[in-house]
Every structure is written in C-alpha cells, then in structure tokens.
Amino acid sequence: MDLEGEGTFEELYIHEILEGKPDTGFIGICPLIQAFMRDKRYSTKVVQEVNSYLDFLLLRAKGEIPTGASYQRHFVLSHPDYKHDSVLSDRIAYDLIAHILEMNTNAELRD
C-alpha cells in the first residue's frame, strides 16, 4: 500500500491520543467527546460523570494512577514479611486481600 500523499502519521502516547496534541493540531478523543456532549446538550450531571471517567482514563494513561497490578506489586514488595524471593507467604496473601477488601469499603484508603 502506497501512503504517499495520504497524510502525515505520528506515533503518539495513549495520553496524547486521549487529550490531544495541540502543537500538531491533533484534537484528541476527550475534547471530541466533550464537544459532542456540549453540541447535543447533555445534562450537567451526565457531563460530570463522563468527565470523571475521562479524567480517570487520562490519569491512568499518564501513569499518575497505578494499575491494579502495579499497586499489588508495590504492596507485596513493601510488605515486611516479603523476602524478595518471589514467594508470597500465606500472611502476605492474606494481608493483600484484606487490604483490597478494606479499600472497597473505606474511601480514605482509595485516595
């Protein structure tokens, strides 16, 4: 397939695809969604809810919110019983599950 004359391509990070890259003129998915909601006159409540999801995705894409796997890895690596031998003792596994369950009921732990 010959791509000459069919436009310019650039490799972008996920966060750039989501929020745009103004210096290249690429608008981004989030601004497009926000413009669509504005044009269709979505209610303030719906716009706020969608924006909260978009904000979460953008922060995750930028690495500012850890993935579940990286969060658990950090928990295990910083556990006092972990011996850095790739073995999860029953105590570490129990503490990890208990911590995750507690996060689901205690909003202060999620922040």
C-alpha atoms as a PDB file:
ATOM      1  CA  MET A   1       0.000   0.000   0.000  1.00  0.00           C
ATOM      2  CA  ASP A   2       1.438   3.360  -1.026  1.00  0.00           C
ATOM      3  CA  LEU A   3       0.867   6.029   1.649  1.00  0.00           C
ATOM      4  CA  GLU A   4       2.466   8.939  -0.212  1.00  0.00           C
ATOM      5  CA  GLY A   5       0.224  11.955  -0.298  1.00  0.00           C
ATOM      6  CA  GLU A   6      -2.287  10.419   2.098  1.00  0.00           C
ATOM      7  CA  GLY A   7      -1.419  12.498   5.131  1.00  0.00           C
ATOM      8  CA  THR A   8       1.062  12.592   7.940  1.00  0.00           C
ATOM      9  CA  PHE A   9       1.444   9.957  10.606  1.00  0.00           C
ATOM     10  CA  GLU A  10       2.961  10.334  14.018  1.00  0.00           C
ATOM     11  CA  GLU A  11       3.411   7.931  16.886  1.00  0.00           C
ATOM     12  CA  LEU A  12       1.565   9.170  19.974  1.00  0.00           C
ATOM     13  CA  TYR A  13       1.365   8.090  23.576  1.00  0.00           C
ATOM     14  CA  ILE A  14      -2.053   6.968  24.800  1.00  0.00           C
ATOM     15  CA  HIS A  15      -2.456  10.138  26.882  1.00  0.00           C
ATOM     16  CA  GLU A  16      -1.769  12.230  23.759  1.00  0.00           C
ATOM     17  CA  ILE A  17      -4.435  10.315  21.839  1.00  0.00           C
ATOM     18  CA  LEU A  18      -6.864  10.976  24.684  1.00  0.00           C
ATOM     19  CA  GLU A  19      -6.110  14.630  25.441  1.00  0.00           C
ATOM     20  CA  GLY A  20      -4.738  15.771  22.088  1.00  0.00           C
ATOM     21  CA  LYS A  21      -1.507  17.310  20.936  1.00  0.00           C
ATOM     22  CA  PRO A  22      -2.134  20.999  20.187  1.00  0.00           C
ATOM     23  CA  ASP A  23       1.260  21.673  18.593  1.00  0.00           C
ATOM     24  CA  THR A  24       0.417  19.197  15.804  1.00  0.00           C
ATOM     25  CA  GLY A  25      -3.246  20.136  15.515  1.00  0.00           C
ATOM     26  CA  PHE A  26      -4.438  16.743  16.793  1.00  0.00           C
ATOM     27  CA  ILE A  27      -7.555  17.411  18.856  1.00  0.00           C
ATOM     28  CA  GLY A  28      -7.758  14.230  20.925  1.00  0.00           C
ATOM     29  CA  ILE A  29     -10.581  11.918  21.909  1.00  0.00           C
ATOM     30  CA  CYS A  30     -11.521  13.605  25.202  1.00  0.00           C
ATOM     31  CA  PRO A  31     -12.042  17.067  23.664  1.00  0.00           C
ATOM     32  CA  LEU A  32     -14.081  15.455  20.867  1.00  0.00           C
ATOM     33  CA  ILE A  33     -16.303  13.691  23.391  1.00  0.00           C
ATOM     34  CA  GLN A  34     -16.712  16.908  25.379  1.00  0.00           C
ATOM     35  CA  ALA A  35     -17.612  18.884  22.241  1.00  0.00           C
ATOM     36  CA  PHE A  36     -20.118  16.196  21.263  1.00  0.00           C
ATOM     37  CA  MET A  37     -21.781  16.329  24.681  1.00  0.00           C
ATOM     38  CA  ARG A  38     -21.879  20.131  24.515  1.00  0.00           C
ATOM     39  CA  ASP A  39     -23.376  20.093  20.982  1.00  0.00           C
ATOM     40  CA  LYS A  40     -26.002  17.519  21.984  1.00  0.00           C
ATOM     41  CA  ARG A  41     -26.761  19.463  25.178  1.00  0.00           C
ATOM     42  CA  TYR A  42     -26.136  16.640  27.598  1.00  0.00           C
ATOM     43  CA  SER A  43     -27.212  17.379  31.166  1.00  0.00           C
ATOM     44  CA  THR A  44     -24.624  18.704  33.592  1.00  0.00           C
ATOM     45  CA  LYS A  45     -24.926  15.507  35.618  1.00  0.00           C
ATOM     46  CA  VAL A  46     -24.125  13.282  32.633  1.00  0.00           C
ATOM     47  CA  VAL A  47     -21.255  15.532  31.523  1.00  0.00           C
ATOM     48  CA  GLN A  48     -19.736  15.445  35.018  1.00  0.00           C
ATOM     49  CA  GLU A  49     -19.994  11.657  35.176  1.00  0.00           C
ATOM     50  CA  VAL A  50     -18.459  11.157  31.736  1.00  0.00           C
ATOM     51  CA  ASN A  51     -15.709  13.671  32.557  1.00  0.00           C
ATOM     52  CA  SER A  52     -14.868  11.784  35.743  1.00  0.00           C
ATOM     53  CA  TYR A  53     -14.318   8.627  33.660  1.00  0.00           C
ATOM     54  CA  LEU A  54     -12.293  10.537  31.067  1.00  0.00           C
ATOM     55  CA  ASP A  55     -10.173  12.109  33.821  1.00  0.00           C
ATOM     56  CA  PHE A  56      -9.531   8.667  35.314  1.00  0.00           C
ATOM     57  CA  LEU A  57      -8.505   7.240  31.928  1.00  0.00           C
ATOM     58  CA  LEU A  58      -6.224  10.199  31.269  1.00  0.00           C
ATOM     59  CA  LEU A  59      -4.528   9.952  34.674  1.00  0.00           C
ATOM     60  CA  ARG A  60      -4.094   6.193  34.203  1.00  0.00           C
ATOM     61  CA  ALA A  61      -2.640   6.753  30.711  1.00  0.00           C
ATOM     62  CA  LYS A  62      -0.162   9.282  32.128  1.00  0.00           C
ATOM     63  CA  GLY A  63       0.870   6.835  34.842  1.00  0.00           C
ATOM     64  CA  GLU A  64      -0.431   9.036  37.645  1.00  0.00           C
ATOM     65  CA  ILE A  65      -2.850   6.339  38.830  1.00  0.00           C
ATOM     66  CA  PRO A  66      -1.283   2.903  39.188  1.00  0.00           C
ATOM     67  CA  THR A  67      -2.772  -0.138  37.537  1.00  0.00           C
ATOM     68  CA  GLY A  68      -4.124  -2.879  39.770  1.00  0.00           C
ATOM     69  CA  ALA A  69      -1.065  -5.000  39.029  1.00  0.00           C
ATOM     70  CA  SER A  70       1.456  -2.279  39.891  1.00  0.00           C
ATOM     71  CA  TYR A  71      -0.467  -1.404  43.064  1.00  0.00           C
ATOM     72  CA  GLN A  72      -0.394  -5.031  44.213  1.00  0.00           C
ATOM     73  CA  ARG A  73       3.270  -5.406  43.256  1.00  0.00           C
ATOM     74  CA  HIS A  74       4.157  -2.335  45.340  1.00  0.00           C
ATOM     75  CA  PHE A  75       2.118  -3.682  48.272  1.00  0.00           C
ATOM     76  CA  VAL A  76       3.933  -7.035  48.173  1.00  0.00           C
ATOM     77  CA  LEU A  77       7.399  -5.513  47.701  1.00  0.00           C
ATOM     78  CA  SER A  78       6.901  -3.225  50.698  1.00  0.00           C
ATOM     79  CA  HIS A  79       5.354  -5.901  52.950  1.00  0.00           C
ATOM     80  CA  PRO A  80       7.588  -6.550  55.997  1.00  0.00           C
ATOM     81  CA  ASP A  81       7.355 -10.352  55.556  1.00  0.00           C
ATOM     82  CA  TYR A  82       8.381 -10.361  51.882  1.00  0.00           C
ATOM     83  CA  LYS A  83      11.867 -11.818  51.432  1.00  0.00           C
ATOM     84  CA  HIS A  84      12.338 -10.770  47.787  1.00  0.00           C
ATOM     85  CA  ASP A  85      12.335 -14.411  46.717  1.00  0.00           C
ATOM     86  CA  SER A  86       9.184 -14.309  44.537  1.00  0.00           C
ATOM     87  CA  VAL A  87       7.290 -16.316  47.153  1.00  0.00           C
ATOM     88  CA  LEU A  88       4.066 -14.972  48.635  1.00  0.00           C
ATOM     89  CA  SER A  89       3.532 -16.382  52.077  1.00  0.00           C
ATOM     90  CA  ASP A  90       0.018 -17.006  53.356  1.00  0.00           C
ATOM     91  CA  ARG A  91       0.415 -13.917  55.558  1.00  0.00           C
ATOM     92  CA  ILE A  92       1.298 -11.643  52.623  1.00  0.00           C
ATOM     93  CA  ALA A  93      -1.563 -13.031  50.510  1.00  0.00           C
ATOM     94  CA  TYR A  94      -3.993 -12.597  53.403  1.00  0.00           C
ATOM     95  CA  ASP A  95      -2.845  -9.033  54.085  1.00  0.00           C
ATOM     96  CA  LEU A  96      -3.106  -8.114  50.396  1.00  0.00           C
ATOM     97  CA  ILE A  97      -6.663  -9.437  50.075  1.00  0.00           C
ATOM     98  CA  ALA A  98      -7.687  -7.851  53.377  1.00  0.00           C
ATOM     99  CA  HIS A  99      -6.240  -4.515  52.235  1.00  0.00           C
ATOM    100  CA  ILE A 100      -8.079  -4.655  48.893  1.00  0.00           C
ATOM    101  CA  LEU A 101     -11.354  -5.514  50.641  1.00  0.00           C
ATOM    102  CA  GLU A 102     -10.813  -2.643  53.079  1.00  0.00           C
ATOM    103  CA  MET A 103     -10.185  -0.241  50.175  1.00  0.00           C
ATOM    104  CA  ASN A 104     -13.604  -1.151  48.780  1.00  0.00           C
ATOM    105  CA  THR A 105     -15.334  -0.045  51.973  1.00  0.00           C
ATOM    106  CA  ASN A 106     -13.071   2.793  53.137  1.00  0.00           C
ATOM    107  CA  ALA A 107     -12.909   5.749  50.730  1.00  0.00           C
ATOM    108  CA  GLU A 108      -9.937   7.287  52.586  1.00  0.00           C
ATOM    109  CA  LEU A 109      -7.725   4.364  51.521  1.00  0.00           C
ATOM    110  CA  ARG A 110      -8.591   4.913  47.847  1.00  0.00           C
ATOM    111  CA  ASP A 111      -7.254   8.467  47.778  1.00  0.00           C
END
